[in-house]
Amino acid sequence: MEKQKVELFFIPSPLMGHAGQALELARLLVNRFHHLSITVLVMELPGDPVGTSYIHSISDDDNDRIKFIHFPPMDPDLFTEYPTVGFRVEAVIEAHRPIIRELVAGQFQGSQDQAPRLSALVVDLFCTPMIDVGKEFGVPTYVFFPSNAAFLGIILYIQTLHDEHGQDISELANSSTELMIPSYAAAVPPSVLPHHLLDKSQITRFNRYTRRYREAKGIILNTFQELETHALLSYDDNTPPVYTVGPLLKPEKPTQNSDVLQWLEGQPKSSVLLLCFGSKGYFNREQVKEIAIAVEKSEYRFIWSLRRPPTEDIKNLPGEYTDYNEVLPDGFLERTADKGKVVGWVPQTELLANMAVGGFISHCGWNSVLESLWYGVPIATWPMYAEQQLNAFQLVKELGLAVEISLDYSQLSKDQSLVSAADIEKGIREVMDTNSEVRSKVMEMKAKGRMALEEGGSSSACLRCLVDDLIS
């Protein structure tokens, strides 16, 4: 008997990593389940040309069961009052709610006999206002959580502490006592709590999101059971069903740095260090010099994605240098010309996939963590923002899947001290060690992650349960 055709609306937030993961989930679903069709509703973040360009580049899909609706860009001047990227994203999403409501309403108007029924909304973790749209029309909403199970656990725990016990985790910011948090197997030092979990205005915002997650029909996580066994068993009874469907790697935009890839092709296996800090990662001049000294002293081959700090015209988001000499030590580029490349934006996934890359200094964004595990490239941790400090802590102290350069570096901290060239060089040597225990564990997890997505694997089984639930 032919299965009933089902339509899903995907609503990712206008952030590069979030939109990329959501699209990869959409592709996985329509490729595995031929009775599903998906419409992706695409918002743009004003003042983010890199993210907008990326989202457009990955929206060309030749699968006729994935459609895209691109909303027109909004005037950046409407969002100048918002102090951070997070608050700006929230405002952009709220501004799109009436438009998305009209699109959902249109699914229930006129004759729909031949059309697939709108079965569910799948919304990004920041798009929780759309839960109300779903409720209005009796359409269940699932939250797609592109971060990991442990971080979902901590924000659920913080919201419970606040709402049921009147406790505010921001008061623990300067505590010397390690915290016992259910989703982490190791005690968590307050120094690795992200800035937005210690700032009262930000934690109020996250508590608001988390309360909405509990109203969802389910939470879809980009992780796999073998990686985060402890965290997945830690949720309380008020948490909706959780579906682990990862590892999903965000699609790469078409390559623009082909000279970097060509250079990489001529390098020996596992000989090149990749330094890349995400779409929002940047350093001041003094820290850049410490990195350069460490890279040069280590004598390893390298590719370094070096971005310019934000300026007034691109608030909160880094840009590109026109001349790297203005920030690098005198003569660095000449002395290392045969050893490495200093570049701007790089196709990170393609680089990690290349056999020549043997180590990765990373900001520990969850996309980057999953990519490193997928390709078996160990990480040296250098978190910068969002939940990355917790990711770094989990990788190093709990899972043994990374080496430490820093666990608590914060791009947002005015008091952030320099990471010394000596500490960076030590991390480089550890992550490039081809015989290390960390590298061995990363290779084991690589195999487990790939098996999770195979027929009969843990994520494949969760995906089937999710689809059964979507159409029930």
Protein backbone atom coordinates (compact mmCIF):
# COMPACT_ATOMS: atom_id res chain seq x y z
CA MET A 1 0.00 0.00 0.00
CA GLU A 2 1.36 3.42 -1.00
CA LYS A 3 2.20 5.66 1.92
CA GLN A 4 0.38 8.96 2.29
CA LYS A 5 2.38 11.86 0.89
CA VAL A 6 3.48 14.24 3.59
CA GLU A 7 4.75 17.84 3.45
CA LEU A 8 7.12 19.35 6.05
CA PHE A 9 8.07 22.99 6.49
CA PHE A 10 11.68 23.50 7.59
CA ILE A 11 12.40 26.86 9.24
CA PRO A 12 16.14 27.30 9.91
CA SER A 13 17.50 30.41 11.58
CA PRO A 14 19.55 32.76 9.35
CA LEU A 15 22.93 31.48 10.56
CA MET A 16 25.33 29.62 8.30
CA GLY A 17 25.92 26.53 10.44
CA HIS A 18 22.26 26.19 11.44
CA ALA A 19 20.89 26.53 7.89
CA GLY A 20 23.47 24.11 6.50
CA GLN A 21 22.66 21.37 9.02
CA ALA A 22 18.91 21.83 8.49
CA LEU A 23 19.31 21.43 4.74
CA GLU A 24 21.40 18.30 5.23
CA LEU A 25 18.63 16.84 7.42
CA ALA A 26 16.06 17.71 4.74
CA ARG A 27 18.13 15.95 2.09
CA LEU A 28 18.58 12.88 4.28
CA LEU A 29 14.84 12.65 4.89
CA VAL A 30 13.71 12.95 1.26
CA ASN A 31 16.42 10.55 0.07
CA ARG A 32 15.43 7.86 2.59
CA PHE A 33 11.64 8.37 2.59
CA HIS A 34 10.10 8.94 -0.81
CA HIS A 35 6.66 9.93 0.47
CA LEU A 36 8.10 13.09 2.09
CA SER A 37 8.46 16.51 0.51
CA ILE A 38 9.99 19.51 2.24
CA THR A 39 9.74 23.27 1.82
CA VAL A 40 12.66 25.20 3.33
CA LEU A 41 11.84 28.77 4.38
CA VAL A 42 15.02 30.83 4.05
CA MET A 43 15.62 34.01 6.04
CA GLU A 44 18.67 36.26 5.67
CA LEU A 45 20.62 37.99 8.44
CA PRO A 46 21.20 41.66 7.54
CA GLY A 47 24.87 42.60 7.61
CA ASP A 48 26.10 39.02 7.11
CA PRO A 49 27.26 38.80 3.47
CA VAL A 50 29.27 35.61 4.04
CA GLY A 51 26.35 33.78 5.64
CA THR A 52 23.87 35.01 3.03
CA SER A 53 26.15 34.00 0.17
CA TYR A 54 26.64 30.55 1.74
CA ILE A 55 22.92 29.95 2.26
CA HIS A 56 22.16 30.89 -1.36
CA SER A 57 24.99 28.70 -2.64
CA ILE A 58 23.66 25.55 -0.92
CA SER A 59 20.01 26.21 -1.81
CA ASP A 60 20.33 24.89 -5.35
CA ASP A 61 19.01 21.37 -5.00
CA ASP A 62 18.11 19.10 -7.89
CA ASN A 63 15.72 17.05 -5.77
CA ASP A 64 12.19 17.93 -6.83
CA ARG A 65 10.89 17.10 -3.34
CA ILE A 66 12.84 19.95 -1.72
CA LYS A 67 11.59 23.46 -2.48
CA PHE A 68 12.97 26.76 -1.24
CA ILE A 69 11.15 29.97 -0.42
CA HIS A 70 13.67 32.81 -0.06
CA PHE A 71 12.34 35.77 1.85
CA PRO A 72 13.58 39.17 0.62
CA PRO A 73 16.46 40.70 2.61
CA MET A 74 15.46 43.08 5.39
CA ASP A 75 16.86 46.59 5.88
CA PRO A 76 19.94 46.41 8.17
CA ASP A 77 18.99 49.81 9.66
CA LEU A 78 15.98 48.15 11.32
CA PHE A 79 18.33 46.09 13.52
CA THR A 80 21.05 48.54 14.61
CA GLU A 81 19.76 48.67 18.20
CA TYR A 82 20.43 44.96 18.84
CA PRO A 83 23.73 44.54 20.71
CA THR A 84 24.78 41.07 19.53
CA VAL A 85 24.32 38.71 16.61
CA GLY A 86 22.04 36.55 18.81
CA PHE A 87 19.61 39.35 19.57
CA ARG A 88 19.65 40.42 15.89
CA VAL A 89 18.83 36.87 14.79
CA GLU A 90 15.95 36.78 17.27
CA ALA A 91 14.55 40.07 15.91
CA VAL A 92 14.81 38.88 12.30
CA ILE A 93 12.95 35.65 13.13
CA GLU A 94 10.19 37.53 14.98
CA ALA A 95 9.78 39.89 12.00
CA HIS A 96 9.18 36.88 9.72
CA ARG A 97 6.54 35.28 11.92
CA PRO A 98 3.49 36.95 10.22
CA ILE A 99 4.79 36.00 6.76
CA ILE A 100 5.36 32.39 7.79
CA ARG A 101 1.93 32.29 9.41
CA GLU A 102 0.39 33.26 6.05
CA LEU A 103 2.31 30.50 4.29
CA VAL A 104 1.11 27.90 6.79
CA ALA A 105 -2.46 29.25 6.55
CA GLY A 106 -2.26 28.84 2.77
CA GLN A 107 -1.80 25.09 3.24
CA PHE A 108 -5.30 24.87 4.71
CA GLN A 109 -7.17 27.02 2.19
CA GLY A 110 -8.96 25.74 -0.89
CA SER A 111 -9.00 22.18 -2.12
CA GLN A 112 -6.06 20.18 -0.81
CA ASP A 113 -7.27 16.75 -1.94
CA GLN A 114 -4.32 16.09 -4.27
CA ALA A 115 -1.66 17.95 -2.30
CA PRO A 116 0.50 16.40 0.41
CA ARG A 117 -0.79 17.34 3.85
CA LEU A 118 1.32 19.66 5.98
CA SER A 119 2.33 17.23 8.69
CA ALA A 120 4.81 19.21 10.79
CA LEU A 121 7.01 22.24 11.19
CA VAL A 122 10.70 21.57 11.86
CA VAL A 123 12.12 24.74 13.40
CA ASP A 124 15.62 25.77 14.45
CA LEU A 125 16.34 26.12 18.15
CA PHE A 126 16.06 29.93 17.80
CA CYS A 127 12.79 29.80 15.78
CA THR A 128 10.54 28.81 18.70
CA PRO A 129 8.00 31.62 18.00
CA MET A 130 6.88 29.40 15.10
CA ILE A 131 5.58 26.86 17.64
CA ASP A 132 2.63 29.24 18.13
CA VAL A 133 2.00 29.24 14.38
CA GLY A 134 1.90 25.45 14.40
CA LYS A 135 -0.48 25.39 17.39
CA GLU A 136 -2.85 27.81 15.69
CA PHE A 137 -3.30 25.43 12.77
CA GLY A 138 -2.99 22.15 14.67
CA VAL A 139 0.38 21.34 13.10
CA PRO A 140 2.93 19.73 15.47
CA THR A 141 6.34 21.37 15.75
CA TYR A 142 9.69 19.65 16.15
CA VAL A 143 12.78 21.58 17.27
CA PHE A 144 15.94 20.94 15.29
CA PHE A 145 18.80 21.47 17.73
CA PRO A 146 22.04 21.75 15.72
CA SER A 147 24.25 21.67 18.80
CA ASN A 148 24.95 18.62 20.93
CA ALA A 149 23.11 16.56 23.53
CA ALA A 150 25.20 17.78 26.46
CA PHE A 151 24.49 21.44 25.71
CA LEU A 152 20.76 20.73 25.36
CA GLY A 153 21.04 19.06 28.76
CA ILE A 154 22.66 22.04 30.46
CA ILE A 155 20.12 24.58 29.21
CA LEU A 156 17.24 22.29 30.24
CA TYR A 157 18.91 21.97 33.66
CA ILE A 158 19.43 25.74 34.02
CA GLN A 159 15.80 26.44 33.13
CA THR A 160 14.64 23.89 35.72
CA LEU A 161 16.93 25.40 38.37
CA HIS A 162 15.48 28.84 37.64
CA ASP A 163 11.79 27.96 37.32
CA GLU A 164 11.45 25.28 39.99
CA HIS A 165 14.16 26.17 42.52
CA GLY A 166 14.65 29.94 42.05
CA GLN A 167 18.36 29.51 41.35
CA ASP A 168 20.27 31.73 38.90
CA ILE A 169 23.35 30.12 37.36
CA SER A 170 24.83 33.53 36.52
CA GLU A 171 25.56 33.92 40.25
CA LEU A 172 28.06 31.07 39.93
CA ALA A 173 30.22 32.93 37.41
CA ASN A 174 32.98 33.67 39.90
CA SER A 175 32.59 30.52 41.98
CA SER A 176 35.56 28.24 42.52
CA THR A 177 33.29 25.22 43.05
CA GLU A 178 32.90 22.80 40.15
CA LEU A 179 29.31 22.16 39.10
CA MET A 180 27.60 18.79 38.88
CA ILE A 181 25.44 19.08 35.76
CA PRO A 182 23.47 15.95 34.77
CA SER A 183 24.41 16.00 31.08
CA TYR A 184 28.16 16.04 31.77
CA ALA A 185 29.90 13.01 33.27
CA ALA A 186 32.74 15.18 34.62
CA ALA A 187 32.30 18.07 37.08
CA VAL A 188 32.10 21.34 35.14
CA PRO A 189 34.31 24.29 36.18
CA PRO A 190 32.42 27.63 36.03
CA SER A 191 35.21 29.01 33.81
CA VAL A 192 33.93 26.96 30.84
CA LEU A 193 30.34 28.18 31.11
CA PRO A 194 29.65 30.27 28.00
CA HIS A 195 29.20 34.02 28.31
CA HIS A 196 25.53 33.84 27.38
CA LEU A 197 24.80 31.46 30.27
CA LEU A 198 26.29 33.91 32.78
CA ASP A 199 24.79 37.15 31.46
CA LYS A 200 21.37 37.81 33.03
CA SER A 201 19.76 39.20 29.86
CA GLN A 202 21.06 36.29 27.80
CA ILE A 203 20.08 33.59 30.28
CA THR A 204 16.56 35.05 30.43
CA ARG A 205 16.45 34.68 26.66
CA PHE A 206 17.71 31.08 26.76
CA ASN A 207 15.25 30.12 29.50
CA ARG A 208 12.50 31.45 27.26
CA TYR A 209 13.70 29.24 24.37
CA THR A 210 14.06 26.20 26.61
CA ARG A 211 10.53 26.46 27.98
CA ARG A 212 9.32 26.35 24.37
CA TYR A 213 11.42 23.25 23.59
CA ARG A 214 9.36 21.42 26.22
CA GLU A 215 6.20 22.28 24.25
CA ALA A 216 7.52 20.69 21.04
CA LYS A 217 6.43 17.27 19.78
CA GLY A 218 10.08 16.22 19.69
CA ILE A 219 13.67 17.48 19.59
CA ILE A 220 15.94 16.44 16.72
CA LEU A 221 19.64 16.39 17.65
CA ASN A 222 22.65 16.38 15.35
CA THR A 223 24.62 13.86 17.33
CA PHE A 224 24.77 10.08 17.68
CA GLN A 225 24.21 7.79 20.61
CA GLU A 226 27.69 6.29 20.67
CA LEU A 227 29.27 9.76 21.03
CA GLU A 228 27.04 11.18 23.79
CA THR A 229 25.69 8.18 25.67
CA HIS A 230 25.84 9.88 29.08
CA ALA A 231 24.16 13.13 28.03
CA LEU A 232 21.30 11.37 26.24
CA LEU A 233 20.39 9.49 29.42
CA SER A 234 20.38 12.64 31.55
CA TYR A 235 17.16 14.42 30.50
CA ASP A 236 14.27 14.86 32.92
CA ASP A 237 10.75 13.50 32.46
CA ASN A 238 9.47 16.82 31.08
CA THR A 239 11.67 16.60 28.00
CA PRO A 240 9.93 15.67 24.71
CA PRO A 241 11.17 12.63 22.76
CA VAL A 242 14.72 13.17 21.48
CA TYR A 243 15.83 11.86 18.08
CA THR A 244 19.56 11.57 17.36
CA VAL A 245 20.04 11.71 13.58
CA GLY A 246 23.72 12.68 13.22
CA PRO A 247 26.41 13.08 12.35
CA LEU A 248 25.06 15.46 9.69
CA LEU A 249 27.77 17.60 8.07
CA LYS A 250 26.68 20.97 6.76
CA PRO A 251 27.10 21.15 2.97
CA GLU A 252 30.07 23.15 1.68
CA LYS A 253 29.60 26.10 -0.65
CA PRO A 254 31.29 25.76 -4.06
CA THR A 255 35.06 26.02 -3.67
CA GLN A 256 36.63 29.44 -4.15
CA ASN A 257 40.09 28.69 -2.73
CA SER A 258 41.06 26.05 -5.27
CA ASP A 259 44.74 27.09 -5.03
CA VAL A 260 44.71 25.96 -1.37
CA LEU A 261 43.27 22.58 -2.33
CA GLN A 262 45.79 22.23 -5.15
CA TRP A 263 48.65 23.03 -2.75
CA LEU A 264 47.28 20.48 -0.29
CA GLU A 265 47.29 17.72 -2.91
CA GLY A 266 51.08 17.81 -3.02
CA GLN A 267 51.60 17.41 0.75
CA PRO A 268 52.38 14.15 2.61
CA LYS A 269 49.67 12.31 4.56
CA SER A 270 48.74 13.85 7.94
CA SER A 271 51.45 16.52 7.60
CA VAL A 272 49.36 19.71 7.48
CA LEU A 273 47.86 21.62 10.40
CA LEU A 274 44.56 23.44 9.72
CA LEU A 275 43.79 26.54 11.81
CA CYS A 276 40.18 27.66 11.35
CA PHE A 277 37.91 29.44 13.83
CA GLY A 278 34.42 29.52 12.35
CA SER A 279 32.37 32.15 10.57
CA LYS A 280 32.54 34.54 13.55
CA GLY A 281 36.08 33.82 14.80
CA TYR A 282 38.80 36.49 14.84
CA PHE A 283 41.74 37.68 16.99
CA ASN A 284 43.39 40.97 17.86
CA ARG A 285 46.84 41.82 16.51
CA GLU A 286 48.72 40.67 19.63
CA GLN A 287 47.08 37.22 19.63
CA VAL A 288 47.69 36.80 15.90
CA LYS A 289 51.41 37.32 16.53
CA GLU A 290 51.48 34.65 19.26
CA ILE A 291 49.82 32.18 16.88
CA ALA A 292 52.28 33.05 14.12
CA ILE A 293 55.27 32.52 16.41
CA ALA A 294 53.92 29.12 17.51
CA VAL A 295 53.15 27.98 13.97
CA GLU A 296 56.59 28.98 12.71
CA LYS A 297 58.47 27.41 15.65
CA SER A 298 56.53 24.14 15.31
CA GLU A 299 57.84 23.81 11.73
CA TYR A 300 54.70 21.96 10.63
CA ARG A 301 53.04 22.63 7.31
CA PHE A 302 49.86 24.66 7.79
CA ILE A 303 46.76 26.32 6.36
CA TRP A 304 45.61 29.27 8.48
CA SER A 305 42.21 30.90 7.95
CA LEU A 306 42.85 34.41 9.30
CA ARG A 307 39.94 36.87 9.46
CA ARG A 308 39.86 40.59 10.21
CA PRO A 309 38.05 41.73 13.41
CA PRO A 310 34.63 43.34 12.85
CA THR A 311 34.39 46.96 11.76
CA GLU A 312 31.45 49.33 12.10
CA ASP A 313 30.03 48.38 8.69
CA ILE A 314 30.01 44.65 9.56
CA LYS A 315 29.08 44.70 13.22
CA ASN A 316 29.92 41.57 15.22
CA LEU A 317 31.08 39.69 12.10
CA PRO A 318 34.67 39.38 10.84
CA GLY A 319 35.82 40.42 7.38
CA GLU A 320 38.82 39.70 5.16
CA TYR A 321 42.30 41.26 5.18
CA THR A 322 43.59 42.82 1.98
CA ASP A 323 47.19 42.45 3.20
CA TYR A 324 48.13 39.92 5.89
CA ASN A 325 51.45 41.70 6.46
CA GLU A 326 49.62 44.40 8.40
CA VAL A 327 48.90 41.93 11.22
CA LEU A 328 51.52 39.16 10.92
CA PRO A 329 55.12 39.45 12.24
CA ASP A 330 57.63 40.97 9.81
CA GLY A 331 58.82 38.42 7.29
CA PHE A 332 56.45 35.64 8.44
CA LEU A 333 54.88 35.10 5.02
CA GLU A 334 58.27 34.99 3.29
CA ARG A 335 59.82 32.62 5.83
CA THR A 336 56.87 30.19 5.71
CA ALA A 337 56.07 30.45 2.00
CA ASP A 338 57.15 26.84 1.35
CA LYS A 339 55.48 25.51 4.50
CA GLY A 340 52.01 26.96 4.52
CA LYS A 341 49.22 29.25 3.39
CA VAL A 342 47.54 32.17 5.16
CA VAL A 343 44.08 32.69 3.65
CA GLY A 344 40.64 34.09 4.46
CA TRP A 345 37.51 31.97 4.21
CA VAL A 346 38.31 28.31 3.47
CA PRO A 347 36.22 25.27 2.42
CA GLN A 348 36.78 23.63 5.81
CA THR A 349 35.00 20.34 5.08
CA GLU A 350 36.96 19.78 1.89
CA LEU A 351 40.22 20.48 3.69
CA LEU A 352 39.46 18.08 6.55
CA ALA A 353 38.53 15.43 3.98
CA ASN A 354 42.00 15.65 2.46
CA MET A 355 44.43 12.98 3.67
CA ALA A 356 47.21 15.57 4.03
CA VAL A 357 45.46 17.33 6.95
CA GLY A 358 46.62 15.75 10.20
CA GLY A 359 45.45 18.17 12.90
CA PHE A 360 42.91 20.93 13.40
CA ILE A 361 43.06 23.96 15.71
CA SER A 362 39.35 24.70 16.05
CA HIS A 363 36.89 26.95 17.86
CA CYS A 364 34.92 23.75 18.62
CA GLY A 365 31.65 24.76 17.00
CA TRP A 366 29.55 21.61 16.79
CA ASN A 367 29.69 21.51 12.99
CA SER A 368 33.48 21.54 13.15
CA VAL A 369 33.57 18.87 15.86
CA LEU A 370 31.42 16.51 13.77
CA GLU A 371 33.48 17.20 10.65
CA SER A 372 36.73 16.45 12.50
CA LEU A 373 35.32 13.16 13.81
CA TRP A 374 33.87 12.19 10.42
CA TYR A 375 37.27 12.54 8.77
CA GLY A 376 39.33 11.30 11.74
CA VAL A 377 41.26 14.55 12.26
CA PRO A 378 41.95 15.33 15.95
CA ILE A 379 41.25 18.81 17.33
CA ALA A 380 43.32 21.15 19.47
CA THR A 381 40.65 23.19 21.28
CA TRP A 382 40.40 26.97 21.11
CA PRO A 383 36.76 27.91 21.86
CA MET A 384 35.61 31.46 21.19
CA TYR A 385 31.87 32.04 21.65
CA ALA A 386 28.42 30.41 22.02
CA GLU A 387 28.62 26.96 23.66
CA GLN A 388 32.12 26.22 22.36
CA GLN A 389 33.84 26.30 25.79
CA LEU A 390 31.55 23.49 26.94
CA ASN A 391 32.21 21.56 23.71
CA ALA A 392 35.96 21.90 24.26
CA PHE A 393 35.64 20.77 27.88
CA GLN A 394 33.53 17.75 26.89
CA LEU A 395 35.94 16.71 24.12
CA VAL A 396 39.08 16.99 26.27
CA LYS A 397 38.01 16.09 29.80
CA GLU A 398 35.11 13.72 29.25
CA LEU A 399 35.51 12.04 25.87
CA GLY A 400 39.29 12.17 25.33
CA LEU A 401 38.74 13.18 21.69
CA ALA A 402 40.80 16.39 21.62
CA VAL A 403 43.91 18.04 23.04
CA GLU A 404 43.81 21.35 24.88
CA ILE A 405 45.14 24.72 23.84
CA SER A 406 42.41 26.49 25.83
CA LEU A 407 39.09 25.42 27.32
CA ASP A 408 37.83 28.79 28.51
CA TYR A 409 39.00 31.39 25.97
CA SER A 410 36.17 33.89 25.33
CA GLN A 411 36.10 36.28 22.42
CA LEU A 412 33.53 38.37 24.32
CA SER A 413 35.56 38.82 27.50
CA LYS A 414 37.19 42.23 27.91
CA ASP A 415 39.65 40.63 30.37
CA GLN A 416 40.69 37.76 28.09
CA SER A 417 44.44 37.24 28.42
CA LEU A 418 46.64 36.22 25.53
CA VAL A 419 47.20 32.53 24.86
CA SER A 420 50.98 32.29 24.74
CA ALA A 421 52.97 31.07 21.77
CA ALA A 422 54.43 28.37 24.04
CA ASP A 423 50.98 26.97 24.91
CA ILE A 424 49.90 27.10 21.26
CA GLU A 425 53.06 25.34 20.10
CA LYS A 426 52.54 22.62 22.74
CA GLY A 427 48.98 22.08 21.46
CA ILE A 428 50.21 21.93 17.86
CA ARG A 429 52.77 19.25 18.68
CA GLU A 430 50.21 17.19 20.60
CA VAL A 431 47.52 17.36 17.93
CA MET A 432 49.99 16.50 15.15
CA ASP A 433 51.38 13.46 17.02
CA THR A 434 50.51 10.57 14.70
CA ASN A 435 50.81 7.98 17.48
CA SER A 436 48.74 9.67 20.20
CA GLU A 437 45.95 8.05 22.17
CA VAL A 438 43.65 10.95 21.19
CA ARG A 439 44.20 10.22 17.49
CA SER A 440 43.42 6.55 18.09
CA LYS A 441 40.17 7.44 19.91
CA VAL A 442 39.17 9.87 17.13
CA MET A 443 39.62 7.10 14.54
CA GLU A 444 37.43 4.77 16.62
CA MET A 445 34.71 7.44 16.85
CA LYS A 446 34.99 8.08 13.12
CA ALA A 447 34.00 4.45 12.48
CA LYS A 448 31.14 4.62 15.04
CA GLY A 449 29.75 7.83 13.53
CA ARG A 450 29.66 6.38 10.05
CA MET A 451 28.06 3.15 11.29
CA ALA A 452 25.35 5.16 13.11
CA LEU A 453 24.01 6.38 9.75
CA GLU A 454 24.11 2.97 8.06
CA GLU A 455 20.97 0.83 7.82
CA GLY A 456 20.52 -0.68 11.27
CA GLY A 457 22.71 1.94 12.93
CA SER A 458 21.52 4.03 15.89
CA SER A 459 20.87 7.26 13.96
CA SER A 460 19.24 5.45 11.05
CA ALA A 461 16.83 3.78 13.51
CA CYS A 462 16.08 7.14 15.20
CA LEU A 463 15.39 8.72 11.82
CA ARG A 464 12.85 6.01 11.02
CA CYS A 465 11.16 6.53 14.42
CA LEU A 466 11.04 10.27 13.72
CA VAL A 467 9.35 9.76 10.33
CA ASP A 468 6.86 7.30 11.82
CA ASP A 469 6.02 9.93 14.43
CA LEU A 470 5.78 12.71 11.81
CA ILE A 471 3.16 10.87 9.81
CA SER A 472 1.19 9.32 12.66
